[in-house]
N, C-alpha and C. Protein backbone atom coordinates (compact mmCIF):
# COMPACT_ATOMS: atom_id res chain seq x y z
N MET A 1 74.52 85.63 53.80
CA MET A 1 74.05 85.78 55.16
C MET A 1 74.48 84.43 56.27
N THR A 2 74.92 83.59 55.44
CA THR A 2 75.40 82.37 56.43
C THR A 2 76.88 82.63 56.60
N THR A 3 77.65 83.42 55.54
CA THR A 3 79.02 83.97 55.87
C THR A 3 79.05 85.01 57.10
N GLN A 4 77.77 85.66 57.27
CA GLN A 4 78.18 86.57 58.42
C GLN A 4 78.12 85.96 59.42
N THR A 5 77.19 85.05 59.83
CA THR A 5 76.62 83.95 60.59
C THR A 5 77.85 83.60 61.02
N ASN A 6 78.69 82.73 60.46
CA ASN A 6 80.04 81.94 61.03
C ASN A 6 80.80 83.07 61.44
N TYR A 7 81.19 84.42 60.49
CA TYR A 7 82.12 85.29 60.94
C TYR A 7 81.65 85.64 62.38
N GLY A 8 80.41 85.92 62.95
CA GLY A 8 80.24 85.90 64.42
C GLY A 8 80.51 85.01 65.25
N ARG A 9 80.31 83.76 64.66
CA ARG A 9 80.51 82.85 65.56
C ARG A 9 82.11 82.60 66.00
N ARG A 10 82.96 82.76 65.05
CA ARG A 10 84.02 82.78 64.95
C ARG A 10 84.97 83.60 66.11
N ILE A 11 84.15 85.08 65.83
CA ILE A 11 84.40 86.28 66.89
C ILE A 11 84.28 85.83 68.14
N GLY A 12 83.21 85.21 68.36
CA GLY A 12 82.70 84.58 69.65
C GLY A 12 83.40 83.72 70.61
N TRP A 13 83.88 82.52 69.32
CA TRP A 13 84.39 81.71 69.91
C TRP A 13 86.05 82.09 70.38
N GLY A 14 86.08 83.21 69.42
CA GLY A 14 87.77 83.62 69.56
C GLY A 14 87.84 84.72 70.94
N THR A 15 87.00 85.33 71.50
CA THR A 15 86.44 85.82 72.56
C THR A 15 86.56 85.03 73.71
N ALA A 16 85.83 84.01 73.64
CA ALA A 16 85.59 83.13 74.64
C ALA A 16 86.77 82.36 75.10
N GLY A 17 87.69 81.96 73.82
CA GLY A 17 89.40 81.57 74.28
C GLY A 17 90.08 82.55 74.77
N LEU A 18 89.86 83.87 74.17
CA LEU A 18 90.76 84.92 75.11
C LEU A 18 90.24 84.91 76.67
N ALA A 19 89.05 84.87 76.83
CA ALA A 19 88.91 85.20 78.27
C ALA A 19 89.14 83.96 78.97
N MET A 20 89.04 82.67 78.72
CA MET A 20 89.51 81.31 79.13
C MET A 20 91.25 81.60 79.06
N SER A 21 91.89 81.82 78.34
CA SER A 21 93.24 82.05 78.43
C SER A 21 93.54 83.08 79.74
N LEU A 22 93.17 84.01 79.82
CA LEU A 22 93.13 84.93 80.60
C LEU A 22 92.88 84.63 82.14
N ALA A 23 91.80 84.21 81.82
CA ALA A 23 91.51 83.32 83.57
C ALA A 23 92.45 82.67 83.92
N ALA A 24 92.85 81.33 82.98
CA ALA A 24 93.92 80.52 83.59
C ALA A 24 95.45 80.99 83.81
N LEU A 25 95.41 82.22 82.70
CA LEU A 25 97.06 82.83 83.67
C LEU A 25 96.68 83.32 84.71
N THR A 26 95.79 84.07 85.03
CA THR A 26 95.39 84.76 86.26
C THR A 26 94.82 83.71 87.65
N PHE A 27 94.37 82.75 87.28
CA PHE A 27 94.14 81.85 88.77
C PHE A 27 94.86 80.60 88.46
N GLY A 28 95.24 80.13 87.64
CA GLY A 28 96.06 79.04 87.48
C GLY A 28 97.59 79.05 87.25
N ALA A 29 98.34 80.49 87.33
CA ALA A 29 99.60 80.40 87.14
C ALA A 29 100.23 79.69 88.44
N PRO A 30 101.35 78.57 87.94
CA PRO A 30 102.03 78.67 89.85
C PRO A 30 102.83 79.44 90.00
N THR A 31 102.70 79.84 91.47
CA THR A 31 103.61 81.01 92.55
C THR A 31 104.89 80.29 92.63
N ALA A 32 106.32 80.63 93.06
CA ALA A 32 106.89 80.30 93.92
C ALA A 32 106.54 80.30 95.17
N SER A 33 107.31 79.40 96.10
CA SER A 33 106.63 79.58 97.63
C SER A 33 107.59 80.68 98.06
N ALA A 34 106.77 81.65 98.66
CA ALA A 34 107.30 82.97 98.94
C ALA A 34 107.24 82.86 100.39
N ASP A 35 107.96 82.92 101.07
CA ASP A 35 107.13 83.25 102.82
C ASP A 35 107.95 84.81 103.07
N VAL A 36 107.13 85.37 103.85
CA VAL A 36 107.71 86.38 104.47
C VAL A 36 108.30 86.14 105.44
N GLU A 37 109.65 86.47 105.47
CA GLU A 37 110.56 85.68 106.13
C GLU A 37 111.17 86.61 107.46
N THR A 38 111.63 88.37 107.09
CA THR A 38 111.94 89.09 108.29
C THR A 38 110.77 90.29 108.04
N PHE A 39 110.37 90.89 109.25
CA PHE A 39 109.44 92.21 109.44
C PHE A 39 109.95 92.98 110.15
N TRP A 40 110.72 94.17 110.10
CA TRP A 40 111.04 94.94 110.93
C TRP A 40 110.73 96.29 110.64
N VAL A 41 111.07 97.42 112.11
CA VAL A 41 110.69 98.79 111.53
C VAL A 41 111.97 98.98 111.63
N GLY A 42 112.21 99.87 110.45
CA GLY A 42 113.52 100.49 110.12
C GLY A 42 114.18 101.23 110.69
N THR A 43 113.59 101.92 112.03
CA THR A 43 114.10 102.70 112.65
C THR A 43 114.21 102.04 114.18
N ALA A 44 115.36 102.16 114.85
CA ALA A 44 115.42 101.86 116.46
C ALA A 44 114.97 102.92 117.49
N ASN A 45 114.85 103.97 116.93
CA ASN A 45 114.70 104.85 117.87
C ASN A 45 113.15 104.73 119.17
N TYR A 46 113.90 104.87 120.26
CA TYR A 46 113.19 104.79 121.17
C TYR A 46 113.06 105.92 122.24
N PRO A 47 111.97 106.57 122.61
CA PRO A 47 110.93 106.02 122.70
C PRO A 47 110.44 106.18 121.07
N ARG A 48 109.28 105.38 120.31
CA ARG A 48 108.31 105.95 119.59
C ARG A 48 107.40 106.60 119.94
N TYR A 49 107.14 107.60 118.64
CA TYR A 49 106.11 108.86 119.37
C TYR A 49 105.02 108.66 117.48
N ALA A 50 103.57 108.69 118.24
CA ALA A 50 102.40 108.92 117.28
C ALA A 50 103.05 109.94 116.11
N GLY A 51 102.67 110.23 115.33
CA GLY A 51 102.47 111.32 114.35
C GLY A 51 104.30 111.56 113.65
N THR A 52 105.36 110.33 113.84
CA THR A 52 106.35 110.26 113.22
C THR A 52 106.42 109.32 112.34
N ASP A 53 107.11 109.94 111.15
CA ASP A 53 106.79 108.60 109.99
C ASP A 53 108.40 107.53 110.25
N TYR A 54 107.97 106.04 110.22
CA TYR A 54 108.97 105.25 110.08
C TYR A 54 108.87 104.46 108.76
N LEU A 55 109.97 103.59 108.67
CA LEU A 55 109.85 102.85 107.85
C LEU A 55 109.80 101.69 107.62
N LEU A 56 108.65 100.77 107.10
CA LEU A 56 108.62 99.45 107.64
C LEU A 56 109.48 98.35 106.42
N TYR A 57 109.85 97.35 106.70
CA TYR A 57 110.44 96.43 105.77
C TYR A 57 109.95 94.85 105.84
N ALA A 58 110.03 94.58 105.00
CA ALA A 58 109.35 92.99 104.83
C ALA A 58 110.29 92.37 103.89
N THR A 59 110.91 91.21 104.27
CA THR A 59 111.77 90.08 102.99
C THR A 59 110.74 89.01 103.03
N THR A 60 111.01 88.41 101.42
CA THR A 60 110.49 87.29 101.47
C THR A 60 111.65 86.36 100.84
N VAL A 61 111.63 84.89 100.83
CA VAL A 61 112.67 84.00 100.24
C VAL A 61 113.53 84.33 99.28
N LYS A 62 114.75 84.38 99.34
CA LYS A 62 115.50 84.61 98.01
C LYS A 62 115.34 83.68 97.13
N GLY A 63 115.21 83.66 95.94
CA GLY A 63 114.59 83.51 94.63
C GLY A 63 113.04 83.39 94.48
N ALA A 64 112.33 83.90 95.19
CA ALA A 64 111.18 83.68 95.05
C ALA A 64 110.54 84.84 94.16
N GLY A 65 111.59 85.35 93.56
CA GLY A 65 110.94 86.81 92.40
C GLY A 65 110.36 87.69 93.12
N ALA A 66 109.51 88.82 92.31
CA ALA A 66 108.46 89.74 92.94
C ALA A 66 107.03 88.79 93.43
N ARG A 67 106.87 89.62 94.70
CA ARG A 67 105.44 89.57 95.47
C ARG A 67 105.14 90.62 95.77
N TRP A 68 103.75 90.30 96.21
CA TRP A 68 103.12 91.39 96.74
C TRP A 68 103.06 91.56 98.12
N VAL A 69 103.20 92.47 98.83
CA VAL A 69 103.27 92.42 100.40
C VAL A 69 102.18 93.50 100.90
N ILE A 70 101.34 92.94 101.77
CA ILE A 70 99.83 93.86 102.25
C ILE A 70 100.44 94.22 103.69
N PHE A 71 100.71 95.49 104.29
CA PHE A 71 101.02 95.91 105.57
C PHE A 71 99.79 96.08 106.23
N SER A 72 99.72 95.71 107.40
CA SER A 72 98.27 96.42 108.17
C SER A 72 98.91 96.98 109.54
N ASP A 73 98.13 97.55 110.11
CA ASP A 73 97.95 97.99 111.56
C ASP A 73 97.06 97.60 112.30
N ASN A 74 97.25 96.85 113.22
CA ASN A 74 95.86 96.47 113.96
C ASN A 74 94.87 95.89 112.81
N GLY A 75 95.28 95.29 111.72
CA GLY A 75 93.97 94.83 111.39
C GLY A 75 93.68 95.64 109.96
N VAL A 76 94.01 96.72 109.95
CA VAL A 76 93.62 97.40 108.73
C VAL A 76 95.44 97.88 108.13
N CYS A 77 94.42 97.50 106.96
CA CYS A 77 95.59 97.72 105.70
C CYS A 77 96.41 99.26 105.81
N ILE A 78 97.48 99.36 105.93
CA ILE A 78 98.12 100.54 105.73
C ILE A 78 98.64 101.15 104.24
N GLY A 79 98.81 99.74 103.63
CA GLY A 79 99.61 99.86 102.21
C GLY A 79 99.71 98.54 101.58
N GLY A 80 100.28 98.37 100.64
CA GLY A 80 100.68 97.31 99.48
C GLY A 80 101.65 97.47 98.85
N THR A 81 102.73 96.59 98.68
CA THR A 81 103.68 97.12 97.82
C THR A 81 104.23 95.71 97.00
N ARG A 82 104.86 95.97 95.88
CA ARG A 82 106.05 94.73 95.48
C ARG A 82 106.97 94.79 96.04
N THR A 83 107.55 93.22 96.32
CA THR A 83 109.04 93.31 96.68
C THR A 83 109.88 93.64 95.53
N ASP A 84 111.01 94.17 95.76
CA ASP A 84 111.77 94.60 94.46
C ASP A 84 112.16 93.04 94.23
N SER A 85 112.72 92.81 92.83
CA SER A 85 113.48 91.20 92.57
C SER A 85 114.51 91.53 92.07
N VAL A 86 115.87 91.41 92.64
CA VAL A 86 116.97 91.79 91.79
C VAL A 86 117.82 90.19 92.02
N PRO A 87 117.97 89.69 91.31
CA PRO A 87 118.51 88.61 90.92
C PRO A 87 119.85 88.19 91.83
N GLY A 88 120.04 87.58 93.06
CA GLY A 88 121.03 87.22 93.59
C GLY A 88 120.64 88.02 95.11
N TYR A 89 119.64 88.78 95.06
CA TYR A 89 119.36 89.82 96.45
C TYR A 89 117.94 88.92 97.10
N THR A 90 118.04 89.04 98.30
CA THR A 90 116.65 88.72 99.23
C THR A 90 115.54 89.64 98.93
N PRO A 91 114.44 89.52 98.32
CA PRO A 91 113.14 90.05 97.78
C PRO A 91 112.73 91.14 98.98
N MET A 92 112.58 92.34 98.84
CA MET A 92 112.26 92.85 100.14
C MET A 92 111.35 94.30 99.90
N ALA A 93 110.17 94.20 100.72
CA ALA A 93 109.42 95.26 99.98
C ALA A 93 109.35 96.42 101.41
N GLY A 94 109.09 97.41 101.18
CA GLY A 94 109.23 98.71 101.86
C GLY A 94 107.78 99.52 101.95
N MET A 95 107.91 100.69 103.40
CA MET A 95 106.62 101.52 102.85
C MET A 95 106.75 102.33 104.48
N THR A 96 106.22 103.65 104.26
CA THR A 96 106.51 104.83 105.73
C THR A 96 105.14 104.56 106.21
N TRP A 97 105.10 104.60 107.59
CA TRP A 97 104.14 104.07 108.45
C TRP A 97 104.28 105.42 109.01
N VAL A 98 103.03 106.04 109.05
CA VAL A 98 103.04 107.04 110.68
C VAL A 98 101.89 106.54 111.21
N PRO A 99 102.13 106.28 112.41
CA PRO A 99 100.99 105.63 113.34
C PRO A 99 100.08 107.32 113.86
N THR A 100 99.07 107.33 113.77
CA THR A 100 98.20 108.37 114.34
C THR A 100 97.76 108.47 116.10
N THR A 101 97.79 107.29 116.47
CA THR A 101 97.38 107.24 117.67
C THR A 101 98.55 106.34 118.76
N ALA A 102 98.66 106.55 119.69
CA ALA A 102 99.64 106.30 121.01
C ALA A 102 99.14 105.28 121.51
N GLY A 103 99.86 104.11 121.97
CA GLY A 103 99.36 102.59 122.13
C GLY A 103 99.88 101.89 121.57
N ARG A 104 99.69 100.57 121.54
CA ARG A 104 100.13 99.25 121.12
C ARG A 104 99.59 99.06 119.69
N HIS A 105 100.80 98.71 119.10
CA HIS A 105 99.93 98.34 117.36
C HIS A 105 100.91 97.34 117.15
N VAL A 106 99.58 96.45 116.40
CA VAL A 106 99.95 95.47 115.91
C VAL A 106 100.31 95.06 114.30
N LEU A 107 101.78 95.18 113.72
CA LEU A 107 101.95 95.53 112.44
C LEU A 107 101.86 94.06 111.70
N THR A 108 101.62 94.11 110.80
CA THR A 108 101.52 92.77 109.88
C THR A 108 101.84 92.75 108.38
N ALA A 109 102.55 92.15 108.09
CA ALA A 109 103.21 91.84 107.01
C ALA A 109 102.85 90.74 106.17
N ASP A 110 102.13 90.82 104.78
CA ASP A 110 101.41 89.61 104.51
C ASP A 110 101.84 89.47 102.81
N ASP A 111 102.41 88.39 102.65
CA ASP A 111 102.63 88.08 101.03
C ASP A 111 101.40 87.08 100.23
N GLY A 112 100.75 87.16 100.97
CA GLY A 112 99.38 86.17 100.49
C GLY A 112 100.23 84.62 100.83
N GLN A 113 101.34 84.15 101.03
CA GLN A 113 101.44 82.86 101.40
C GLN A 113 101.46 82.65 103.01
N THR A 114 102.25 83.66 103.64
CA THR A 114 102.46 83.68 105.22
C THR A 114 102.40 85.27 105.86
N THR A 115 102.07 85.23 106.85
CA THR A 115 102.53 86.56 107.55
C THR A 115 103.19 86.84 108.61
N LYS A 116 103.86 88.09 108.79
CA LYS A 116 104.82 87.94 110.08
C LYS A 116 103.78 89.62 110.50
N SER A 117 104.05 89.38 112.04
CA SER A 117 103.44 90.04 112.63
C SER A 117 104.59 90.77 113.91
N ILE A 118 104.55 92.15 114.43
CA ILE A 118 105.28 92.58 115.08
C ILE A 118 104.72 93.74 116.03
N THR A 119 104.87 93.83 117.18
CA THR A 119 104.24 94.74 118.02
C THR A 119 105.14 96.10 118.39
N VAL A 120 104.30 97.09 118.43
CA VAL A 120 105.53 98.07 118.65
C VAL A 120 104.31 99.39 119.16
N ASP A 121 104.95 99.52 120.48
CA ASP A 121 104.44 100.71 121.34
C ASP A 121 104.51 102.10 121.20
N MET A 122 103.80 102.78 120.96
CA MET A 122 103.78 104.29 120.41
C MET A 122 103.40 105.39 121.81
N GLU A 123 104.39 105.72 121.88
CA GLU A 123 103.67 107.34 123.14
C GLU A 123 103.05 108.38 121.95
N PRO A 124 102.40 109.16 123.13
CA PRO A 124 101.53 110.26 122.05
C PRO A 124 103.00 111.17 121.67
N PRO A 125 102.25 112.10 120.42
CA PRO A 125 103.23 113.24 119.69
C PRO A 125 103.69 113.83 120.72
N GLN A 126 105.27 114.01 120.32
CA GLN A 126 106.48 114.76 121.22
C GLN A 126 105.67 116.20 121.11
N ALA A 127 105.66 117.16 122.19
CA ALA A 127 105.33 117.98 122.68
C ALA A 127 105.87 119.47 121.84
N GLY A 128 105.51 119.77 121.36
CA GLY A 128 105.65 120.92 120.82
C GLY A 128 106.14 120.78 119.31
N THR A 129 105.82 119.42 119.09
CA THR A 129 105.49 118.80 117.10
C THR A 129 104.75 119.22 116.67
N THR A 130 104.67 119.35 115.46
CA THR A 130 103.72 118.94 114.95
C THR A 130 103.80 117.68 113.91
N PRO A 131 102.26 116.71 114.36
CA PRO A 131 102.36 115.31 114.20
C PRO A 131 102.16 115.41 112.32
N LYS A 132 102.84 114.42 111.87
CA LYS A 132 102.72 114.13 110.44
C LYS A 132 101.55 113.28 109.66
N THR A 133 100.60 113.73 108.69
CA THR A 133 100.06 112.97 108.60
C THR A 133 100.38 111.70 107.55
N PRO A 134 99.39 110.82 107.82
CA PRO A 134 100.05 109.50 107.49
C PRO A 134 100.03 109.28 105.63
N PRO A 135 100.24 108.97 105.16
CA PRO A 135 99.86 108.89 103.41
C PRO A 135 98.74 107.81 103.40
N THR A 136 97.77 108.50 102.16
CA THR A 136 97.33 107.47 101.94
C THR A 136 97.05 106.12 101.14
N PRO A 137 96.70 104.86 102.36
CA PRO A 137 96.70 103.90 102.06
C PRO A 137 96.42 103.55 100.52
N THR A 138 97.41 102.62 99.97
CA THR A 138 97.52 102.53 98.54
C THR A 138 98.16 101.19 98.33
N GLY A 139 97.62 100.48 97.52
CA GLY A 139 97.94 98.49 97.15
C GLY A 139 97.16 97.67 97.96
N CYS A 140 95.87 98.19 98.96
CA CYS A 140 95.47 97.58 99.67
C CYS A 140 94.18 96.66 98.85
N ASP A 141 93.68 96.97 97.69
CA ASP A 141 92.63 96.30 97.26
C ASP A 141 93.43 95.30 95.60
N LYS A 142 92.56 93.83 95.55
CA LYS A 142 92.99 93.65 94.51
C LYS A 142 93.21 94.04 93.18
N LEU A 143 92.76 95.14 92.80
CA LEU A 143 92.93 95.33 91.42
C LEU A 143 93.94 96.22 91.57
N SER A 144 94.03 96.78 92.53
CA SER A 144 95.67 97.68 92.40
C SER A 144 96.73 96.59 92.34
N GLN A 145 96.43 95.44 93.24
CA GLN A 145 97.94 94.70 92.81
C GLN A 145 98.04 94.15 91.22
N LEU A 146 96.49 93.97 90.90
CA LEU A 146 96.53 93.24 89.48
C LEU A 146 97.19 94.40 88.53
N LEU A 147 97.16 95.91 88.71
CA LEU A 147 97.35 96.94 87.54
C LEU A 147 98.87 97.12 88.01
N THR A 148 99.12 97.03 89.24
CA THR A 148 100.83 97.50 89.49
C THR A 148 101.70 96.19 89.21
N THR A 149 101.36 94.91 89.17
CA THR A 149 101.85 93.69 89.48
C THR A 149 101.62 93.01 87.78
N GLY A 150 100.82 93.35 87.13
CA GLY A 150 100.16 92.68 85.74
C GLY A 150 100.00 91.24 86.28
N SER A 151 99.67 90.82 87.33
CA SER A 151 99.07 89.02 87.99
C SER A 151 98.95 89.43 89.32
N GLY A 152 98.02 88.73 89.92
CA GLY A 152 98.25 87.95 91.19
C GLY A 152 99.20 87.17 91.62
N THR A 153 99.33 87.43 92.99
CA THR A 153 100.21 86.58 93.38
C THR A 153 99.71 85.79 94.15
N GLY A 154 99.72 84.38 93.82
CA GLY A 154 99.06 83.21 94.55
C GLY A 154 97.83 83.10 94.51
N SER A 155 97.13 83.08 96.14
CA SER A 155 95.89 83.48 96.51
C SER A 155 95.58 84.78 96.33
N ALA A 156 96.07 85.69 95.85
CA ALA A 156 95.84 87.32 96.22
C ALA A 156 94.83 87.33 95.03
N ALA A 157 95.40 86.76 93.72
CA ALA A 157 94.38 87.00 92.67
C ALA A 157 92.74 86.55 92.90
N ILE A 158 92.71 85.70 94.02
CA ILE A 158 91.19 84.92 93.72
C ILE A 158 90.67 85.63 95.25
N GLY A 159 91.89 86.21 96.00
CA GLY A 159 91.05 86.62 97.12
C GLY A 159 91.83 85.56 98.34
N LEU A 160 92.57 86.68 99.34
CA LEU A 160 93.30 86.57 100.12
C LEU A 160 92.52 85.55 101.16
């Protein structure tokens, strides 16, 4: 009976040690400084129309590795994605954005370290066209980031 109790304690201590190790990896892992350096709408078509798809791009500093970038439209998350991490190239994240309303849109790219914002004015959908439906936002929550990247990025693991 003593053997079973000691065995149970060993499992408990092992489980506690594993949990502490995972917490240290998630919350205490050092991260490279990765500031959003540039942020732009990929097409230069003017005027820009609601209901049309546009590509958004953001870059972080070279050598920063993969980072999670969250894109927002007027403060509402429209998607998040990881930057590519190709040695020798500037890390870049991109996504498709379909504005649903005409008017001023303040777009923001946030990598958990810094943000960049741009302002875009949209015209109503063009007459005779069928407005596109925006994609369902993904990657906005911390769980999606953790599952997609395997770890939190900077303060994103604790809460932006």
